Protein backbone atom coordinates (compact mmCIF):
# COMPACT_ATOMS: atom_id res chain seq x y z
CA UNK A 1 14.48 11.34 3.70
CA UNK A 2 16.35 9.69 5.81
CA UNK A 3 16.59 5.78 6.08
CA UNK A 4 17.44 4.25 9.51
CA UNK A 5 17.12 0.58 8.67
CA UNK A 6 16.51 -2.04 12.03
CA UNK A 7 19.61 -3.17 12.75
CA UNK A 8 18.25 -6.75 13.31
CA UNK A 9 17.03 -6.74 9.68
CA UNK A 10 19.74 -5.69 7.45
CA UNK A 11 23.55 -5.10 7.20
CA UNK A 12 24.71 -1.70 6.41
CA UNK A 13 28.18 -0.18 6.73
CA UNK A 14 26.91 3.46 6.32
CA UNK A 15 24.42 3.78 9.09
CA UNK A 16 24.62 7.30 9.99
CA UNK A 17 24.52 8.96 6.53
CA UNK A 18 21.73 7.42 4.74
CA UNK A 19 20.13 10.32 2.68
CA UNK A 20 18.10 11.10 -0.25
CA UNK A 21 16.09 14.62 -1.29
CA UNK A 22 12.70 13.72 -3.06
CA UNK A 23 11.02 16.32 -4.74
CA UNK A 24 8.02 16.77 -6.49
CA UNK A 25 7.67 17.56 -10.45
CA UNK A 26 7.55 21.87 -10.26
CA UNK A 27 9.80 22.00 -7.06
CA UNK A 28 12.61 24.08 -7.07
CA UNK A 29 15.63 21.55 -7.64
CA UNK A 30 17.99 23.79 -5.98
CA UNK A 31 16.61 24.56 -2.52
CA UNK A 32 18.46 22.46 0.19
CA UNK A 33 15.43 20.75 2.55
CA UNK A 34 15.13 22.29 6.19
CA UNK A 35 13.31 19.96 7.69
CA UNK A 36 14.69 17.72 10.73
CA UNK A 37 14.61 14.19 10.32
CA UNK A 38 12.22 11.70 12.58
CA UNK A 39 14.57 9.86 15.06
CA UNK A 40 12.63 6.44 15.84
CA UNK A 41 12.98 5.21 19.29
CA UNK A 42 14.78 2.29 18.34
CA UNK A 43 15.73 0.46 15.47
CA UNK A 44 14.75 -2.98 16.22
CA UNK A 45 13.91 -5.56 13.44
CA UNK A 46 9.97 -5.61 14.54
CA UNK A 47 6.67 -4.31 13.43
CA UNK A 48 5.54 -1.04 14.74
CA UNK A 49 2.38 -0.78 16.57
CA UNK A 50 0.01 1.83 16.99
CA UNK A 51 0.17 3.25 13.99
CA UNK A 52 -2.64 5.37 12.58
CA UNK A 53 -3.58 6.15 8.98
CA UNK A 54 -3.33 9.32 7.49
CA UNK A 55 -6.39 8.42 5.57
CA UNK A 56 -8.19 5.87 7.28
CA UNK A 57 -9.95 3.08 4.37
CA UNK A 58 -11.78 0.34 5.16
CA UNK A 59 -11.52 -2.12 2.08
CA UNK A 60 -14.37 -4.48 2.68
CA UNK A 61 -14.86 -7.13 0.76
CA UNK A 62 -14.12 -7.26 -3.19
CA UNK A 63 -17.39 -7.76 -5.41
CA UNK A 64 -17.05 -8.98 -9.20
CA UNK A 65 -20.78 -8.95 -10.61
CA UNK A 66 -21.89 -10.90 -7.48
CA UNK A 67 -19.18 -13.30 -6.73
CA UNK A 68 -17.21 -12.58 -3.73
CA UNK A 69 -13.45 -12.80 -3.15
CA UNK A 70 -12.36 -13.81 0.30
CA UNK A 71 -8.82 -12.57 1.46
CA UNK A 72 -7.43 -13.88 4.70
CA UNK A 73 -4.02 -13.56 6.60
CA UNK A 74 -2.67 -16.36 8.47
CA UNK A 75 0.25 -16.51 10.78
CA UNK A 76 2.14 -19.46 10.67
CA UNK A 77 5.18 -19.47 13.10
CA UNK A 78 7.17 -16.60 11.74
CA UNK A 79 5.47 -16.25 8.49
CA UNK A 80 2.40 -14.89 7.21
CA UNK A 81 0.28 -16.70 4.97
CA UNK A 82 -1.80 -14.10 2.97
CA UNK A 83 -4.69 -16.49 1.10
CA UNK A 84 -6.80 -15.63 -1.68
CA UNK A 85 -10.55 -17.83 -1.70
CA UNK A 86 -8.51 -20.19 1.13
CA UNK A 87 -5.73 -20.69 -1.49
CA UNK A 88 -1.92 -19.30 -0.65
CA UNK A 89 -0.11 -17.46 -3.39
CA UNK A 90 3.51 -17.66 -4.10
CA UNK A 91 5.03 -15.04 -6.28
CA UNK A 92 8.41 -14.83 -8.19
CA UNK A 93 9.63 -11.65 -7.56
CA UNK A 94 12.00 -11.55 -10.32
CA UNK A 95 8.87 -11.84 -12.77
CA UNK A 96 5.90 -10.40 -10.63
CA UNK A 97 1.94 -10.36 -11.75
CA UNK A 98 2.48 -6.35 -12.68
CA UNK A 99 5.41 -7.09 -14.73
CA UNK A 100 3.44 -9.34 -16.62
CA UNK A 101 0.34 -7.17 -17.38
CA UNK A 102 3.27 -4.40 -18.24
CA UNK A 103 4.08 -7.16 -20.84
CA UNK A 104 0.63 -7.26 -21.89
CA UNK A 105 1.19 -11.50 -21.06
CA UNK A 106 -1.91 -12.65 -19.54
CA UNK A 107 -0.54 -16.27 -18.86
CA UNK A 108 0.13 -16.14 -15.03
CA UNK A 109 1.60 -19.36 -13.29
CA UNK A 110 -0.99 -21.32 -11.21
CA UNK A 111 1.11 -20.79 -7.77
CA UNK A 112 0.14 -16.85 -8.60
CA UNK A 113 -3.62 -17.85 -7.53
CA UNK A 114 -4.70 -14.89 -10.18
CA UNK A 115 -8.26 -14.10 -9.71
CA UNK A 116 -9.52 -12.24 -13.02
CA UNK A 117 -12.08 -9.28 -12.15
CA UNK A 118 -13.96 -8.89 -15.38
CA UNK A 119 -15.79 -5.50 -15.60
CA UNK A 120 -14.65 -1.92 -15.27
CA UNK A 121 -14.97 0.58 -12.55
CA UNK A 122 -18.68 0.71 -12.94
CA UNK A 123 -19.05 -3.44 -12.54
CA UNK A 124 -15.74 -3.77 -10.39
CA UNK A 125 -15.96 -2.38 -6.79
CA UNK A 126 -15.21 -2.18 -3.36
CA UNK A 127 -17.65 -2.46 -0.97
């Protein structure tokens, strides 16, 4: 794996030698990779365009036993607001939602705008 950070988005003193080897379980841990790194056309700090998903997936609308969950993305200048049921959410990345779940803590700050989907894989689904 070669990491080529966007120059305008990061400060890095080792731009030409950021590498890692990622191996799957059961792979030969002594063999060196022989792949050729992908070199992007530029390393500008901007979103890529024209990307095509390897596995296209239309997530549709979330439902929970008849209730719907409206998720929208609203550009606001240089920022983007993700809204759930017309309300934004603000996460403390030092104490994220999944960490609270992993710690069996089901008390979420109001700013997290957590929506509880009651049910299991048979009752909560993506349409």
